[in-house]
Amino acid sequence: MNALFPDVIVNGETIAPAAIAAEAQNHSGPRGKPGIAWRKAAQALTIRALLLQEAARRRLTAEAQELAPGRVETEEEALIRALLEEAVEMPEITADHVRAEWARDPDRFRSAPLWDASHILIACDPHDAAESAAAKARAEALIARLDGDAKGFATLAARESDCGSKSAGGALGQLGPGDSVPEFEAALRALKAEEITPEPVQTRHGWHVIRLNAVAPGEVLPFETVAPKITQALEKAAWARASRDFIAGLAARSEIAGATLDPI
């Protein structure tokens, strides 16, 4: 028994604390509360034990499959896959289901937005606290100088920016999702056309003053275009629900100590 946590026993099979500690590295928890990661790990290994025990009860065998180049299933992963393929019954996803999901809110299904943006970069090493603070202060001073007025943005960018786009007045042209680092994209999504970020935006490159020149939000896509994507999403959700129900059924028929399958 661990000094802090009870032994985890699934139908008489004890899960080693060392295995739980290793699994805990794959789970997150609030800082200063390692017990949450431990409980999540114990839950994951409890589910794994339930599935492997059921596979053994059914005397299943499975051949390992390649998951990706250089990545082949372990024997246990193959057994769990074979069990779920045999035991989990997938509800049928009909054309009516797909159309109903689309009709619930067609506005969710749009082509990707496009942002026409400009920026002023104050480059720095984000890991150097003093250098980063100085760069941020410089960016804040530029925002104060602009005072929300975008007319002088290009002139200021040409003089102050540390990015090669300074030769074009800071213009970056049209950007779509994934074309910029996540922090930069998040700032673009929060801006309206012709707005400037009220605070500098930090990325791995330094601090940015960003202007959104224009935005094309994307068009609502017709049902025929998005139907395959909706079908895939509904099938994935249905599979997840059916798998959870199957595991819950195994747990209800089992003796489990030291772990819970309740949400953590």
Protein backbone atom coordinates (compact mmCIF):
# COMPACT_ATOMS: atom_id res chain seq x y z
CA MET A 1 0.00 0.00 0.00
CA ASN A 2 1.25 3.50 -0.93
CA ALA A 3 1.74 5.88 1.99
CA LEU A 4 -0.86 8.25 0.53
CA PHE A 5 -3.08 6.10 -1.67
CA PRO A 6 -4.72 2.69 -1.15
CA ASP A 7 -3.84 -0.33 -3.24
CA VAL A 8 -5.83 -0.57 -6.47
CA ILE A 9 -7.35 -4.03 -6.84
CA VAL A 10 -9.51 -5.09 -9.79
CA ASN A 11 -11.23 -8.46 -9.39
CA GLY A 12 -8.38 -9.65 -7.18
CA GLU A 13 -5.64 -8.28 -9.45
CA THR A 14 -3.45 -5.66 -7.76
CA ILE A 15 -2.13 -2.85 -9.93
CA ALA A 16 1.42 -2.04 -8.85
CA PRO A 17 1.95 1.46 -7.42
CA ALA A 18 4.99 1.79 -9.70
CA ALA A 19 2.75 1.27 -12.73
CA ILE A 20 0.35 3.95 -11.48
CA ALA A 21 3.24 6.35 -10.83
CA ALA A 22 4.52 5.81 -14.37
CA GLU A 23 1.05 6.29 -15.86
CA ALA A 24 0.54 9.47 -13.80
CA GLN A 25 3.14 11.18 -15.99
CA ASN A 26 0.55 11.11 -18.79
CA HIS A 27 -2.15 12.89 -16.77
CA SER A 28 -2.51 16.49 -15.69
CA GLY A 29 -3.60 17.96 -12.41
CA PRO A 30 -3.55 21.34 -10.65
CA ARG A 31 -0.15 22.47 -9.47
CA GLY A 32 0.49 21.29 -5.95
CA LYS A 33 -2.13 18.53 -6.18
CA PRO A 34 -0.30 15.44 -7.49
CA GLY A 35 -3.06 13.25 -6.07
CA ILE A 36 -5.36 14.15 -8.95
CA ALA A 37 -2.91 12.90 -11.58
CA TRP A 38 -2.44 9.75 -9.48
CA ARG A 39 -6.20 9.12 -9.29
CA LYS A 40 -6.57 9.67 -13.03
CA ALA A 41 -3.75 7.20 -13.64
CA ALA A 42 -5.33 4.67 -11.27
CA GLN A 43 -8.62 5.06 -13.15
CA ALA A 44 -6.96 4.55 -16.54
CA LEU A 45 -5.17 1.40 -15.39
CA THR A 46 -8.35 0.11 -13.75
CA ILE A 47 -10.17 0.41 -17.07
CA ARG A 48 -7.25 -1.26 -18.83
CA ALA A 49 -7.35 -4.14 -16.34
CA LEU A 50 -11.12 -4.57 -16.77
CA LEU A 51 -10.75 -4.75 -20.55
CA LEU A 52 -7.83 -7.16 -20.49
CA GLN A 53 -9.62 -9.41 -18.00
CA GLU A 54 -12.69 -9.47 -20.24
CA ALA A 55 -10.54 -10.23 -23.29
CA ALA A 56 -8.98 -13.13 -21.39
CA ARG A 57 -12.42 -14.35 -20.29
CA ARG A 58 -13.51 -14.42 -23.93
CA ARG A 59 -10.21 -16.08 -24.89
CA LEU A 60 -9.58 -13.48 -27.55
CA THR A 61 -6.41 -13.35 -29.60
CA ALA A 62 -5.30 -10.47 -31.77
CA GLU A 63 -2.49 -9.67 -34.16
CA ALA A 64 -0.76 -6.36 -33.53
CA GLN A 65 -1.38 -3.71 -36.16
CA GLU A 66 0.81 -0.84 -37.28
CA LEU A 67 -0.57 2.42 -35.90
CA ALA A 68 1.92 4.69 -37.66
CA PRO A 69 5.31 4.31 -39.34
CA GLY A 70 7.52 2.70 -36.71
CA ARG A 71 4.66 2.41 -34.17
CA VAL A 72 3.09 -1.03 -33.71
CA GLU A 73 0.45 -1.99 -31.16
CA THR A 74 1.56 -3.80 -28.04
CA GLU A 75 -0.02 -7.17 -27.36
CA GLU A 76 -2.30 -5.62 -24.75
CA GLU A 77 -3.36 -2.77 -27.06
CA ALA A 78 -4.23 -5.33 -29.76
CA LEU A 79 -6.33 -7.35 -27.32
CA ILE A 80 -8.24 -4.28 -26.15
CA ARG A 81 -8.90 -3.23 -29.75
CA ALA A 82 -10.15 -6.72 -30.61
CA LEU A 83 -12.41 -6.77 -27.54
CA LEU A 84 -13.98 -3.40 -28.33
CA GLU A 85 -14.48 -4.38 -31.97
CA GLU A 86 -16.29 -7.53 -30.88
CA ALA A 87 -18.25 -6.22 -27.91
CA VAL A 88 -19.21 -2.63 -28.64
CA GLU A 89 -22.33 -2.26 -30.77
CA MET A 90 -22.38 0.94 -32.76
CA PRO A 91 -25.76 2.61 -33.25
CA GLU A 92 -26.56 3.37 -36.87
CA ILE A 93 -25.91 6.93 -38.01
CA THR A 94 -28.53 7.63 -40.65
CA ALA A 95 -28.77 10.40 -43.23
CA ASP A 96 -31.61 11.87 -41.14
CA HIS A 97 -29.31 12.06 -38.09
CA VAL A 98 -26.67 13.86 -40.13
CA ARG A 99 -29.09 16.36 -41.63
CA ALA A 100 -30.68 17.05 -38.23
CA GLU A 101 -27.26 17.80 -36.74
CA TRP A 102 -26.49 20.20 -39.59
CA ALA A 103 -29.91 21.89 -39.37
CA ARG A 104 -29.47 22.46 -35.62
CA ASP A 105 -27.04 25.29 -36.41
CA PRO A 106 -25.77 25.54 -40.02
CA ASP A 107 -23.76 28.62 -39.06
CA ARG A 108 -21.25 26.34 -37.28
CA PHE A 109 -20.07 25.02 -40.62
CA ARG A 110 -18.18 27.75 -42.40
CA SER A 111 -15.20 28.01 -44.67
CA ALA A 112 -12.04 29.16 -42.90
CA PRO A 113 -11.82 32.87 -42.07
CA LEU A 114 -9.17 35.09 -43.63
CA TRP A 115 -7.51 37.96 -41.80
CA ASP A 116 -5.67 40.82 -43.46
CA ALA A 117 -3.24 41.86 -40.75
CA SER A 118 -0.25 44.06 -40.03
CA HIS A 119 2.05 44.07 -37.02
CA ILE A 120 4.98 45.69 -35.34
CA LEU A 121 7.36 43.20 -33.78
CA ILE A 122 9.59 44.06 -30.85
CA ALA A 123 11.87 41.05 -30.91
CA CYS A 124 13.28 39.53 -27.72
CA ASP A 125 14.14 36.28 -26.05
CA PRO A 126 10.98 35.44 -24.04
CA HIS A 127 13.10 33.43 -21.61
CA ASP A 128 15.18 36.50 -20.71
CA ALA A 129 13.01 38.30 -18.16
CA ALA A 130 14.81 41.64 -18.36
CA GLU A 131 14.95 41.67 -22.15
CA SER A 132 11.30 40.63 -22.41
CA ALA A 133 10.18 43.32 -19.96
CA ALA A 134 12.05 45.99 -21.89
CA ALA A 135 10.54 44.81 -25.20
CA LYS A 136 7.05 44.80 -23.72
CA ALA A 137 7.50 48.34 -22.40
CA ARG A 138 8.61 49.46 -25.85
CA ALA A 139 5.56 47.81 -27.45
CA GLU A 140 3.25 49.44 -24.88
CA ALA A 141 4.77 52.82 -25.72
CA LEU A 142 4.01 52.26 -29.41
CA ILE A 143 0.39 51.39 -28.63
CA ALA A 144 0.10 54.56 -26.55
CA ARG A 145 1.58 56.59 -29.39
CA LEU A 146 -0.97 55.16 -31.84
CA ASP A 147 -3.80 55.73 -29.33
CA GLY A 148 -6.12 53.52 -31.37
CA ASP A 149 -5.47 55.55 -34.55
CA ALA A 150 -4.42 53.16 -37.30
CA LYS A 151 -3.48 55.82 -39.83
CA GLY A 152 0.13 56.02 -38.71
CA PHE A 153 0.55 52.28 -38.22
CA ALA A 154 2.44 51.61 -41.44
CA THR A 155 4.83 54.51 -40.86
CA LEU A 156 5.49 53.40 -37.29
CA ALA A 157 5.99 49.78 -38.36
CA ALA A 158 8.47 50.81 -41.04
CA ARG A 159 10.51 52.67 -38.44
CA GLU A 160 10.15 50.48 -35.32
CA SER A 161 9.43 46.86 -36.28
CA ASP A 162 12.05 44.13 -35.99
CA CYS A 163 10.26 42.00 -38.59
CA GLY A 164 11.11 41.91 -42.29
CA SER A 165 7.53 43.01 -42.96
CA LYS A 166 8.61 46.53 -41.93
CA SER A 167 9.46 47.16 -45.58
CA ALA A 168 5.73 46.77 -46.31
CA GLY A 169 4.62 48.88 -43.37
CA GLY A 170 4.15 45.77 -41.23
CA ALA A 171 1.68 44.20 -43.65
CA LEU A 172 1.52 40.40 -43.44
CA GLY A 173 -1.10 39.93 -46.12
CA GLN A 174 -3.92 37.41 -45.75
CA LEU A 175 -3.64 34.84 -42.96
CA GLY A 176 -5.80 31.80 -42.36
CA PRO A 177 -6.10 29.45 -39.38
CA GLY A 178 -2.73 27.87 -38.65
CA ASP A 179 -0.73 30.41 -40.63
CA SER A 180 0.55 32.14 -37.49
CA VAL A 181 1.54 31.05 -34.00
CA PRO A 182 -1.43 30.33 -31.67
CA GLU A 183 -1.07 33.51 -29.56
CA PHE A 184 -1.04 35.69 -32.67
CA GLU A 185 -4.06 33.92 -34.16
CA ALA A 186 -6.00 34.23 -30.89
CA ALA A 187 -5.38 37.99 -30.95
CA LEU A 188 -6.65 38.22 -34.53
CA ARG A 189 -9.83 36.36 -33.61
CA ALA A 190 -10.49 38.85 -30.80
CA LEU A 191 -10.12 41.95 -32.99
CA LYS A 192 -12.64 43.72 -35.18
CA ALA A 193 -11.65 45.17 -38.54
CA GLU A 194 -9.38 48.23 -38.24
CA GLU A 195 -8.73 47.60 -34.54
CA ILE A 196 -5.32 47.50 -32.88
CA THR A 197 -4.53 45.21 -29.97
CA PRO A 198 -4.97 47.23 -26.74
CA GLU A 199 -2.06 45.34 -25.15
CA PRO A 200 1.08 43.82 -26.67
CA VAL A 201 0.81 40.15 -27.63
CA GLN A 202 3.68 37.86 -26.68
CA THR A 203 4.85 34.97 -28.84
CA ARG A 204 8.12 33.09 -29.06
CA HIS A 205 9.34 35.84 -31.39
CA GLY A 206 8.81 38.70 -28.96
CA TRP A 207 6.04 41.26 -28.40
CA HIS A 208 3.63 42.26 -31.17
CA VAL A 209 1.41 45.26 -31.79
CA ILE A 210 -1.22 43.90 -34.18
CA ARG A 211 -3.66 45.67 -36.47
CA LEU A 212 -6.50 43.79 -38.15
CA ASN A 213 -7.00 45.58 -41.45
CA ALA A 214 -9.94 43.49 -42.63
CA VAL A 215 -11.55 40.12 -42.03
CA ALA A 216 -13.52 37.70 -44.19
CA PRO A 217 -15.39 35.46 -41.71
CA GLY A 218 -15.99 32.63 -44.17
CA GLU A 219 -19.15 31.48 -45.86
CA VAL A 220 -21.72 29.03 -44.50
CA LEU A 221 -21.02 25.74 -46.27
CA PRO A 222 -23.82 23.76 -47.95
CA PHE A 223 -25.01 20.54 -46.35
CA GLU A 224 -23.55 18.35 -49.11
CA THR A 225 -20.08 19.74 -48.45
CA VAL A 226 -20.06 19.16 -44.69
CA ALA A 227 -22.13 15.95 -44.50
CA PRO A 228 -19.07 13.62 -44.50
CA LYS A 229 -17.44 15.61 -41.69
CA ILE A 230 -20.66 15.61 -39.63
CA THR A 231 -21.07 11.86 -40.19
CA GLN A 232 -17.54 11.22 -38.97
CA ALA A 233 -18.07 13.36 -35.87
CA LEU A 234 -21.38 11.64 -35.01
CA GLU A 235 -19.82 8.20 -35.47
CA LYS A 236 -16.89 9.14 -33.24
CA ALA A 237 -19.23 10.45 -30.52
CA ALA A 238 -21.47 7.37 -30.76
CA TRP A 239 -18.45 5.06 -30.49
CA ALA A 240 -17.20 6.92 -27.41
CA ARG A 241 -20.62 6.67 -25.71
CA ALA A 242 -20.99 2.99 -26.55
CA SER A 243 -17.47 2.24 -25.30
CA ARG A 244 -18.12 4.09 -22.03
CA ASP A 245 -21.35 2.15 -21.56
CA PHE A 246 -19.56 -1.16 -22.16
CA ILE A 247 -16.82 -0.29 -19.65
CA ALA A 248 -19.43 0.84 -17.11
CA GLY A 249 -21.15 -2.53 -17.51
CA LEU A 250 -17.88 -4.36 -16.85
CA ALA A 251 -17.26 -2.22 -13.76
CA ALA A 252 -20.75 -2.86 -12.40
CA ARG A 253 -20.09 -6.61 -12.50
CA SER A 254 -16.63 -6.30 -10.94
CA GLU A 255 -15.05 -5.82 -7.54
CA ILE A 256 -12.87 -2.69 -7.59
CA ALA A 257 -11.00 -1.22 -4.64
CA GLY A 258 -8.79 1.86 -4.45
CA ALA A 259 -10.07 3.52 -7.64
CA THR A 260 -13.25 4.92 -9.10
CA LEU A 261 -14.58 5.29 -12.63
CA ASP A 262 -16.44 8.45 -11.70
CA PRO A 263 -15.25 11.64 -13.46
CA ILE A 264 -12.22 13.16 -11.73
